[in-house]
Amino acid sequence: MQRNEIIVSASILASDFMRMGEEVQAVAASGTDWIHVDVMDGVFVPNLTLGFPFIEGIRKITTLPLDVHLMIVQPEKHIERFIEAGADILTVHCENNPNIHSTLLNIRKMGASPAIALNPGTPAEMVEPLLPFLDMVLVMTVNPGFGGQEFIPEMLEKMRKIRKWIDEKQLNVRIQVDGGINHETAGQCFAAGADTFVAGTSIFRNSNGYAAGIRELKNLC
């Protein structure tokens, strides 16, 4: 099994929005590799969150890669704007884009790293033909839309399938996991093939501090 360097992407959805600038700087200083930004439109998922101005603001205060997850309808219409705002990695869902191959090519052409997300109810087979055009697959381990949900253990088999395909094709594609990632589930995901971990609650609400939360995740892997 191929192994990339372990990456922790701190999800600011779990941070204190009233102190967002300080939170981003603090988690960056604590050792996170990426900053994860969830963009939700209230249509594709039942919640509303952050948009272009917010990403532009974060870009001004950190040089860390911005890992932007678009949970929106018709993401292909907005990729250029998100990349201009500062997204380094741009993740779109396969469930809401009939022209996903074209969208992925355009993300790379515009200078960002293309990634695709799979909801818990979406089979792994949806992503197999797209692997050569990706830098990362995001396996959602909760139903998207809200933070703080419990990990769905059945998603481990999905990770194993995708890891097998990546290794067979000898591709350099990351497997990211998002949802309920903590000191109990991170090791399970790593064993199943994941190498990139989105964590919110386990970092921003860690009783021992942000650095301890990040360090715990990496040590488990």
Protein backbone atom coordinates (compact mmCIF):
# COMPACT_ATOMS: atom_id res chain seq x y z
CA MET A 1 0.00 0.00 0.00
CA GLN A 2 1.38 3.38 -1.00
CA ARG A 3 1.57 5.98 1.73
CA ASN A 4 1.60 9.74 1.36
CA GLU A 5 2.67 12.04 4.17
CA ILE A 6 -0.11 12.37 6.76
CA ILE A 7 -1.99 15.65 6.39
CA VAL A 8 -4.29 17.23 8.98
CA SER A 9 -6.74 19.80 7.65
CA ALA A 10 -8.30 21.85 10.46
CA SER A 11 -11.99 22.51 9.81
CA ILE A 12 -12.82 26.07 10.79
CA LEU A 13 -16.52 25.15 10.90
CA ALA A 14 -15.79 24.14 14.51
CA SER A 15 -13.93 27.33 15.41
CA ASP A 16 -15.19 30.48 17.15
CA PHE A 17 -16.53 32.60 14.28
CA MET A 18 -16.37 35.74 16.40
CA ARG A 19 -12.59 35.31 16.58
CA MET A 20 -11.99 33.81 13.15
CA GLY A 21 -8.75 35.61 12.34
CA GLU A 22 -7.22 34.65 15.67
CA GLU A 23 -8.48 31.08 15.34
CA VAL A 24 -6.90 30.59 11.92
CA GLN A 25 -3.59 32.00 13.08
CA ALA A 26 -3.65 29.93 16.28
CA VAL A 27 -4.38 26.63 14.56
CA ALA A 28 -1.74 27.39 11.93
CA ALA A 29 0.82 28.03 14.67
CA SER A 30 -0.26 24.77 16.33
CA GLY A 31 0.85 22.65 13.39
CA THR A 32 -2.10 22.05 11.10
CA ASP A 33 -1.07 21.35 7.51
CA TRP A 34 -4.13 22.78 5.77
CA ILE A 35 -7.15 24.95 6.59
CA HIS A 36 -10.42 23.26 5.65
CA VAL A 37 -13.31 25.50 4.60
CA ASP A 38 -16.82 24.09 4.13
CA VAL A 39 -18.98 26.03 1.68
CA MET A 40 -22.70 25.15 1.96
CA ASP A 41 -25.58 26.73 0.08
CA GLY A 42 -28.64 25.46 1.99
CA VAL A 43 -29.77 23.57 -1.12
CA PHE A 44 -27.31 20.74 -1.74
CA VAL A 45 -27.02 20.39 2.04
CA PRO A 46 -29.38 21.76 4.72
CA ASN A 47 -27.13 24.50 6.04
CA LEU A 48 -25.61 27.83 5.02
CA THR A 49 -21.98 28.75 5.64
CA LEU A 50 -19.09 30.64 4.13
CA GLY A 51 -18.53 32.25 0.74
CA PHE A 52 -16.01 34.13 -1.39
CA PRO A 53 -15.32 37.09 0.96
CA PHE A 54 -14.62 34.75 3.84
CA ILE A 55 -12.05 32.76 1.86
CA GLU A 56 -10.46 35.98 0.63
CA GLY A 57 -10.14 37.09 4.25
CA ILE A 58 -8.50 33.85 5.36
CA ARG A 59 -6.10 33.99 2.41
CA LYS A 60 -4.81 37.32 3.70
CA ILE A 61 -3.80 35.94 7.10
CA THR A 62 -2.25 32.57 6.31
CA THR A 63 0.01 31.01 3.71
CA LEU A 64 -1.25 27.50 4.50
CA PRO A 65 -3.10 25.67 1.71
CA LEU A 66 -6.83 26.40 1.76
CA ASP A 67 -8.75 23.15 1.38
CA VAL A 68 -12.17 24.27 0.12
CA HIS A 69 -15.07 21.81 0.03
CA LEU A 70 -17.98 22.94 -2.14
CA MET A 71 -21.31 21.53 -0.97
CA ILE A 72 -23.34 23.57 -3.43
CA VAL A 73 -25.49 23.05 -6.50
CA GLN A 74 -23.86 23.67 -9.88
CA PRO A 75 -20.33 24.05 -8.47
CA GLU A 76 -18.94 24.25 -12.01
CA LYS A 77 -20.35 27.79 -12.28
CA HIS A 78 -18.32 29.03 -9.31
CA ILE A 79 -14.94 27.31 -9.41
CA GLU A 80 -13.09 30.21 -10.99
CA ARG A 81 -14.34 32.62 -8.34
CA PHE A 82 -13.32 30.32 -5.48
CA ILE A 83 -9.86 29.82 -6.94
CA GLU A 84 -9.47 33.58 -7.37
CA ALA A 85 -10.51 34.00 -3.73
CA GLY A 86 -7.62 31.79 -2.65
CA ALA A 87 -8.62 28.11 -2.77
CA ASP A 88 -5.62 25.83 -3.29
CA ILE A 89 -7.52 22.54 -3.18
CA LEU A 90 -11.07 22.58 -4.53
CA THR A 91 -13.37 19.65 -3.79
CA VAL A 92 -16.62 19.16 -5.69
CA HIS A 93 -19.24 16.44 -5.29
CA CYS A 94 -19.92 13.82 -7.94
CA GLU A 95 -23.60 13.68 -6.93
CA ASN A 96 -24.55 17.10 -8.25
CA ASN A 97 -22.51 17.52 -11.43
CA PRO A 98 -23.26 15.54 -14.62
CA ASN A 99 -20.15 17.02 -16.24
CA ILE A 100 -17.80 16.24 -13.36
CA HIS A 101 -14.89 15.25 -15.63
CA SER A 102 -14.93 18.66 -17.31
CA THR A 103 -15.21 20.40 -13.94
CA LEU A 104 -12.15 18.59 -12.61
CA LEU A 105 -10.12 19.47 -15.70
CA ASN A 106 -11.13 23.12 -15.36
CA ILE A 107 -10.10 23.22 -11.69
CA ARG A 108 -6.60 22.07 -12.62
CA LYS A 109 -6.45 24.37 -15.64
CA MET A 110 -7.28 27.33 -13.37
CA GLY A 111 -4.39 26.48 -11.06
CA ALA A 112 -5.96 24.58 -8.16
CA SER A 113 -5.77 20.97 -7.08
CA PRO A 114 -8.91 19.02 -8.14
CA ALA A 115 -10.66 16.74 -5.65
CA ILE A 116 -13.96 14.89 -5.58
CA ALA A 117 -16.23 14.08 -2.63
CA LEU A 118 -18.51 11.10 -2.08
CA ASN A 119 -21.49 11.24 0.28
CA PRO A 120 -22.07 8.20 2.53
CA GLY A 121 -24.84 6.89 0.27
CA THR A 122 -22.74 7.18 -2.90
CA PRO A 123 -20.90 4.01 -4.00
CA ALA A 124 -17.14 4.06 -4.41
CA GLU A 125 -17.57 2.96 -8.04
CA MET A 126 -18.68 6.49 -8.94
CA VAL A 127 -15.15 7.76 -8.53
CA GLU A 128 -13.09 4.93 -10.05
CA PRO A 129 -13.03 6.21 -13.68
CA LEU A 130 -12.16 9.71 -12.46
CA LEU A 131 -9.08 8.80 -10.41
CA PRO A 132 -6.53 9.70 -13.13
CA PHE A 133 -7.89 13.25 -13.16
CA LEU A 134 -7.79 13.81 -9.38
CA ASP A 135 -5.35 14.75 -6.67
CA MET A 136 -7.66 13.67 -3.86
CA VAL A 137 -10.85 11.75 -3.05
CA LEU A 138 -12.85 12.91 -0.04
CA VAL A 139 -14.82 10.10 1.58
CA MET A 140 -17.52 11.69 3.73
CA THR A 141 -17.79 9.70 6.95
CA VAL A 142 -20.93 11.58 8.04
CA ASN A 143 -23.83 12.99 6.07
CA PRO A 144 -22.68 16.47 4.99
CA GLY A 145 -24.22 19.65 6.30
CA PHE A 146 -23.40 19.87 9.99
CA GLY A 147 -20.36 19.45 12.23
CA GLY A 148 -20.11 17.25 15.30
CA GLN A 149 -21.79 14.14 13.85
CA GLU A 150 -20.85 10.55 14.66
CA PHE A 151 -18.54 8.62 12.36
CA ILE A 152 -20.18 6.04 10.05
CA PRO A 153 -17.98 2.92 10.28
CA GLU A 154 -19.36 1.41 7.06
CA MET A 155 -17.34 4.02 5.15
CA LEU A 156 -14.12 2.15 5.98
CA GLU A 157 -14.85 -0.40 3.27
CA LYS A 158 -15.30 2.42 0.76
CA MET A 159 -11.83 3.71 1.65
CA ARG A 160 -10.34 0.25 1.18
CA LYS A 161 -11.83 -0.05 -2.30
CA ILE A 162 -10.57 3.35 -3.38
CA ARG A 163 -7.10 2.72 -1.93
CA LYS A 164 -6.93 -0.58 -3.84
CA TRP A 165 -7.77 1.14 -7.12
CA ILE A 166 -5.26 3.93 -6.51
CA ASP A 167 -2.50 1.43 -5.77
CA GLU A 168 -3.37 -0.78 -8.74
CA LYS A 169 -3.25 2.21 -11.08
CA GLN A 170 -0.08 3.51 -9.36
CA LEU A 171 -1.60 6.96 -8.93
CA ASN A 172 -0.57 9.69 -6.52
CA VAL A 173 -4.05 10.42 -5.20
CA ARG A 174 -4.83 11.23 -1.59
CA ILE A 175 -7.77 9.81 0.34
CA GLN A 176 -9.28 12.40 2.65
CA VAL A 177 -11.85 11.68 5.35
CA ASP A 178 -14.23 14.16 6.95
CA GLY A 179 -16.75 13.63 9.72
CA GLY A 180 -16.34 12.36 13.26
CA ILE A 181 -12.55 12.15 12.96
CA ASN A 182 -11.01 11.83 16.42
CA HIS A 183 -8.58 9.78 18.50
CA GLU A 184 -10.74 6.68 18.02
CA THR A 185 -11.56 6.87 14.31
CA ALA A 186 -8.40 8.34 12.77
CA GLY A 187 -6.41 5.14 13.19
CA GLN A 188 -9.21 3.08 11.65
CA CYS A 189 -9.30 5.37 8.62
CA PHE A 190 -5.53 5.26 8.24
CA ALA A 191 -5.59 1.46 8.30
CA ALA A 192 -8.28 1.54 5.59
CA GLY A 193 -6.13 3.73 3.33
CA ALA A 194 -6.78 7.35 4.28
CA ASP A 195 -3.88 9.79 4.55
CA THR A 196 -5.61 13.17 4.86
CA PHE A 197 -7.78 13.99 7.87
CA VAL A 198 -10.30 16.80 8.27
CA ALA A 199 -10.89 17.50 11.94
CA GLY A 200 -12.88 20.22 13.64
CA THR A 201 -14.19 19.36 17.08
CA SER A 202 -11.19 17.18 17.97
CA ILE A 203 -8.89 20.18 17.37
CA PHE A 204 -10.82 23.34 18.22
CA ARG A 205 -12.51 21.84 21.28
CA ASN A 206 -9.62 19.75 22.52
CA SER A 207 -9.20 20.28 26.26
CA ASN A 208 -5.42 20.14 25.87
CA GLY A 209 -5.26 22.72 23.10
CA TYR A 210 -5.09 22.81 19.32
CA ALA A 211 -1.52 21.49 19.04
CA ALA A 212 -2.41 18.48 21.19
CA GLY A 213 -5.40 17.68 18.99
CA ILE A 214 -3.31 17.81 15.84
CA ARG A 215 -0.51 15.82 17.39
CA GLU A 216 -2.92 13.11 18.62
CA LEU A 217 -4.30 12.61 15.11
CA LYS A 218 -0.87 12.30 13.53
CA ASN A 219 0.40 9.95 16.23
CA LEU A 220 -2.54 7.63 15.72
CA CYS A 221 -1.56 7.27 12.09
